[in-house]
Amino acid sequence: MKTQAIRKAEQVRPMASTAREVAAHRIEDARVWAAPKLDRAAHSVEEQIAPKVSAFLVQAAEKIDPAPSVKRRGRWSTVALLAGFAACAVGIVLYRNNARQWADSMKDTAADASRWSGDRVEEASEAGRTDETSRRMY
């Protein structure tokens, strides 16, 4: 019995090897055929079905929501926006007033500086004259 089983195993071995190779090729062929189909199906679900399901879920959530929070958020955002505009307007008014005051003070400072520089020039010219006269005396 043992010898018969060994002979039968030797006969079946090449057939099993061939069957394994054929199965491997068929599996590869099936994968080559299925991959693009699965890819197209994934894109179809993503582009067509998912947006519809998402919109349906959003509508369902809005219908069962006892107090819509969108209206409350809209009111507070409007209040915050108006407060921001008011603060901006106050800031602009204060900035303009400070700019005018600064410009006026700079005009006064420039006038003082020109008077001071004129005085210095006169002093320098008088000092130069005294130096010349003292040189002539010696």
C-alpha atoms as a PDB file:
ATOM      1  CA  MET A   1       0.000   0.000   0.000  1.00  0.00           C
ATOM      2  CA  LYS A   2       2.818   2.332   0.809  1.00  0.00           C
ATOM      3  CA  THR A   3       4.474   1.741  -2.529  1.00  0.00           C
ATOM      4  CA  GLN A   4       1.217   2.382  -4.375  1.00  0.00           C
ATOM      5  CA  ALA A   5       0.755   5.686  -2.567  1.00  0.00           C
ATOM      6  CA  ILE A   6       4.309   6.716  -3.468  1.00  0.00           C
ATOM      7  CA  ARG A   7       3.745   5.871  -7.159  1.00  0.00           C
ATOM      8  CA  LYS A   8       0.458   7.745  -7.250  1.00  0.00           C
ATOM      9  CA  ALA A   9       2.074  10.763  -5.548  1.00  0.00           C
ATOM     10  CA  GLU A  10       4.797  10.786  -8.237  1.00  0.00           C
ATOM     11  CA  GLN A  11       2.115  10.724 -10.937  1.00  0.00           C
ATOM     12  CA  VAL A  12       0.067  13.510  -9.328  1.00  0.00           C
ATOM     13  CA  ARG A  13       3.050  15.816  -8.574  1.00  0.00           C
ATOM     14  CA  PRO A  14       3.425  17.240 -12.145  1.00  0.00           C
ATOM     15  CA  MET A  15      -0.336  17.714 -12.444  1.00  0.00           C
ATOM     16  CA  ALA A  16      -0.429  19.596  -9.129  1.00  0.00           C
ATOM     17  CA  SER A  17       2.456  21.811 -10.275  1.00  0.00           C
ATOM     18  CA  THR A  18       0.654  22.606 -13.512  1.00  0.00           C
ATOM     19  CA  ALA A  19      -2.607  23.294 -11.655  1.00  0.00           C
ATOM     20  CA  ARG A  20      -0.756  25.671  -9.293  1.00  0.00           C
ATOM     21  CA  GLU A  21       0.728  27.599 -12.244  1.00  0.00           C
ATOM     22  CA  VAL A  22      -2.631  27.815 -14.030  1.00  0.00           C
ATOM     23  CA  ALA A  23      -4.340  29.013 -10.834  1.00  0.00           C
ATOM     24  CA  ALA A  24      -1.656  31.669 -10.282  1.00  0.00           C
ATOM     25  CA  HIS A  25      -2.118  32.984 -13.842  1.00  0.00           C
ATOM     26  CA  ARG A  26      -5.902  33.038 -13.486  1.00  0.00           C
ATOM     27  CA  ILE A  27      -5.704  34.901 -10.176  1.00  0.00           C
ATOM     28  CA  GLU A  28      -3.373  37.458 -11.752  1.00  0.00           C
ATOM     29  CA  ASP A  29      -5.743  37.847 -14.709  1.00  0.00           C
ATOM     30  CA  ALA A  30      -8.666  38.362 -12.331  1.00  0.00           C
ATOM     31  CA  ARG A  31      -6.718  41.029 -10.408  1.00  0.00           C
ATOM     32  CA  VAL A  32      -5.790  42.833 -13.650  1.00  0.00           C
ATOM     33  CA  TRP A  33      -9.460  42.825 -14.684  1.00  0.00           C
ATOM     34  CA  ALA A  34     -10.859  43.834 -11.247  1.00  0.00           C
ATOM     35  CA  ALA A  35      -8.440  46.664 -10.312  1.00  0.00           C
ATOM     36  CA  PRO A  36      -9.714  49.262 -12.815  1.00  0.00           C
ATOM     37  CA  LYS A  37     -13.327  48.322 -12.101  1.00  0.00           C
ATOM     38  CA  LEU A  38     -12.829  48.825  -8.364  1.00  0.00           C
ATOM     39  CA  ASP A  39     -11.049  52.127  -9.008  1.00  0.00           C
ATOM     40  CA  ARG A  40     -13.922  53.397 -11.162  1.00  0.00           C
ATOM     41  CA  ALA A  41     -16.427  52.272  -8.537  1.00  0.00           C
ATOM     42  CA  ALA A  42     -14.503  54.125  -5.814  1.00  0.00           C
ATOM     43  CA  HIS A  43     -14.482  57.342  -7.851  1.00  0.00           C
ATOM     44  CA  SER A  44     -18.173  56.947  -8.622  1.00  0.00           C
ATOM     45  CA  VAL A  45     -19.019  56.568  -4.923  1.00  0.00           C
ATOM     46  CA  GLU A  46     -16.819  59.538  -4.025  1.00  0.00           C
ATOM     47  CA  GLU A  47     -18.173  61.880  -6.695  1.00  0.00           C
ATOM     48  CA  GLN A  48     -21.826  60.850  -6.964  1.00  0.00           C
ATOM     49  CA  ILE A  49     -23.097  58.859  -4.029  1.00  0.00           C
ATOM     50  CA  ALA A  50     -21.158  60.398  -1.113  1.00  0.00           C
ATOM     51  CA  PRO A  51     -22.362  63.981  -1.709  1.00  0.00           C
ATOM     52  CA  LYS A  52     -25.971  62.788  -1.854  1.00  0.00           C
ATOM     53  CA  VAL A  53     -25.600  60.775   1.348  1.00  0.00           C
ATOM     54  CA  SER A  54     -23.879  63.720   3.042  1.00  0.00           C
ATOM     55  CA  ALA A  55     -26.632  66.138   2.001  1.00  0.00           C
ATOM     56  CA  PHE A  56     -29.270  63.685   3.224  1.00  0.00           C
ATOM     57  CA  LEU A  57     -27.547  63.383   6.620  1.00  0.00           C
ATOM     58  CA  VAL A  58     -27.265  67.180   6.946  1.00  0.00           C
ATOM     59  CA  GLN A  59     -30.977  67.593   6.187  1.00  0.00           C
ATOM     60  CA  ALA A  60     -31.858  64.895   8.692  1.00  0.00           C
ATOM     61  CA  ALA A  61     -29.718  66.588  11.360  1.00  0.00           C
ATOM     62  CA  GLU A  62     -31.388  69.954  10.691  1.00  0.00           C
ATOM     63  CA  LYS A  63     -34.847  68.382  10.958  1.00  0.00           C
ATOM     64  CA  ILE A  64     -34.237  66.696  14.293  1.00  0.00           C
ATOM     65  CA  ASP A  65     -32.216  69.538  15.881  1.00  0.00           C
ATOM     66  CA  PRO A  66     -34.449  71.105  18.582  1.00  0.00           C
ATOM     67  CA  ALA A  67     -32.697  74.520  18.557  1.00  0.00           C
ATOM     68  CA  PRO A  68     -30.715  75.386  15.437  1.00  0.00           C
ATOM     69  CA  SER A  69     -27.362  76.789  16.504  1.00  0.00           C
ATOM     70  CA  VAL A  70     -26.696  78.442  13.152  1.00  0.00           C
ATOM     71  CA  LYS A  71     -29.078  81.316  13.904  1.00  0.00           C
ATOM     72  CA  ARG A  72     -27.490  81.964  17.308  1.00  0.00           C
ATOM     73  CA  ARG A  73     -23.993  81.896  15.853  1.00  0.00           C
ATOM     74  CA  GLY A  74     -25.074  84.311  13.135  1.00  0.00           C
ATOM     75  CA  ARG A  75     -26.399  86.808  15.667  1.00  0.00           C
ATOM     76  CA  TRP A  76     -23.230  86.798  17.782  1.00  0.00           C
ATOM     77  CA  SER A  77     -20.983  87.047  14.766  1.00  0.00           C
ATOM     78  CA  THR A  78     -22.944  90.095  13.580  1.00  0.00           C
ATOM     79  CA  VAL A  79     -22.611  91.728  16.988  1.00  0.00           C
ATOM     80  CA  ALA A  80     -18.881  91.018  17.046  1.00  0.00           C
ATOM     81  CA  LEU A  81     -18.489  92.414  13.530  1.00  0.00           C
ATOM     82  CA  LEU A  82     -20.333  95.633  14.405  1.00  0.00           C
ATOM     83  CA  ALA A  83     -18.261  96.037  17.587  1.00  0.00           C
ATOM     84  CA  GLY A  84     -15.122  95.631  15.510  1.00  0.00           C
ATOM     85  CA  PHE A  85     -16.249  98.302  13.079  1.00  0.00           C
ATOM     86  CA  ALA A  86     -17.045 100.677  15.950  1.00  0.00           C
ATOM     87  CA  ALA A  87     -13.621 100.111  17.540  1.00  0.00           C
ATOM     88  CA  CYS A  88     -11.976 100.691  14.176  1.00  0.00           C
ATOM     89  CA  ALA A  89     -13.841 103.976  13.674  1.00  0.00           C
ATOM     90  CA  VAL A  90     -12.839 105.206  17.144  1.00  0.00           C
ATOM     91  CA  GLY A  91      -9.249 104.255  16.419  1.00  0.00           C
ATOM     92  CA  ILE A  92      -9.243 106.171  13.138  1.00  0.00           C
ATOM     93  CA  VAL A  93     -10.652 109.312  14.800  1.00  0.00           C
ATOM     94  CA  LEU A  94      -8.068 109.150  17.593  1.00  0.00           C
ATOM     95  CA  TYR A  95      -5.265 108.540  15.105  1.00  0.00           C
ATOM     96  CA  ARG A  96      -6.242 111.559  12.998  1.00  0.00           C
ATOM     97  CA  ASN A  97      -6.423 113.837  16.040  1.00  0.00           C
ATOM     98  CA  ASN A  98      -3.018 112.665  17.252  1.00  0.00           C
ATOM     99  CA  ALA A  99      -1.558 113.097  13.763  1.00  0.00           C
ATOM    100  CA  ARG A 100      -2.798 116.697  13.576  1.00  0.00           C
ATOM    101  CA  GLN A 101      -1.407 117.501  17.020  1.00  0.00           C
ATOM    102  CA  TRP A 102       1.921 115.926  16.119  1.00  0.00           C
ATOM    103  CA  ALA A 103       2.097 117.854  12.829  1.00  0.00           C
ATOM    104  CA  ASP A 104       1.371 121.136  14.640  1.00  0.00           C
ATOM    105  CA  SER A 105       4.033 120.449  17.255  1.00  0.00           C
ATOM    106  CA  MET A 106       6.535 119.559  14.518  1.00  0.00           C
ATOM    107  CA  LYS A 107       5.810 122.880  12.774  1.00  0.00           C
ATOM    108  CA  ASP A 108       6.499 124.732  16.030  1.00  0.00           C
ATOM    109  CA  THR A 109       9.658 122.697  16.596  1.00  0.00           C
ATOM    110  CA  ALA A 110      10.861 123.366  13.055  1.00  0.00           C
ATOM    111  CA  ALA A 111      10.271 127.090  13.494  1.00  0.00           C
ATOM    112  CA  ASP A 112      12.186 127.040  16.797  1.00  0.00           C
ATOM    113  CA  ALA A 113      15.003 125.104  15.161  1.00  0.00           C
ATOM    114  CA  SER A 114      15.296 127.554  12.279  1.00  0.00           C
ATOM    115  CA  ARG A 115      15.346 130.481  14.733  1.00  0.00           C
ATOM    116  CA  TRP A 116      17.999 128.728  16.814  1.00  0.00           C
ATOM    117  CA  SER A 117      20.148 127.961  13.776  1.00  0.00           C
ATOM    118  CA  GLY A 118      19.801 131.594  12.611  1.00  0.00           C
ATOM    119  CA  ASP A 119      20.989 132.784  16.027  1.00  0.00           C
ATOM    120  CA  ARG A 120      23.957 130.434  15.870  1.00  0.00           C
ATOM    121  CA  VAL A 121      24.941 131.699  12.435  1.00  0.00           C
ATOM    122  CA  GLU A 122      24.847 135.311  13.636  1.00  0.00           C
ATOM    123  CA  GLU A 123      26.956 134.432  16.687  1.00  0.00           C
ATOM    124  CA  ALA A 124      29.459 132.614  14.516  1.00  0.00           C
ATOM    125  CA  SER A 125      29.767 135.520  12.111  1.00  0.00           C
ATOM    126  CA  GLU A 126      30.267 137.997  14.975  1.00  0.00           C
ATOM    127  CA  ALA A 127      32.902 135.723  16.514  1.00  0.00           C
ATOM    128  CA  GLY A 128      34.677 135.536  13.164  1.00  0.00           C
ATOM    129  CA  ARG A 129      34.813 139.339  12.907  1.00  0.00           C
ATOM    130  CA  THR A 130      36.335 139.703  16.363  1.00  0.00           C
ATOM    131  CA  ASP A 131      38.984 137.143  15.523  1.00  0.00           C
ATOM    132  CA  GLU A 132      39.944 139.044  12.359  1.00  0.00           C
ATOM    133  CA  THR A 133      40.172 142.347  14.194  1.00  0.00           C
ATOM    134  CA  SER A 134      42.258 140.829  16.957  1.00  0.00           C
ATOM    135  CA  ARG A 135      44.654 139.352  14.391  1.00  0.00           C
ATOM    136  CA  ARG A 136      45.073 142.702  12.693  1.00  0.00           C
ATOM    137  CA  MET A 137      45.909 144.319  16.004  1.00  0.00           C
ATOM    138  CA  TYR A 138      48.806 141.996  16.726  1.00  0.00           C
END
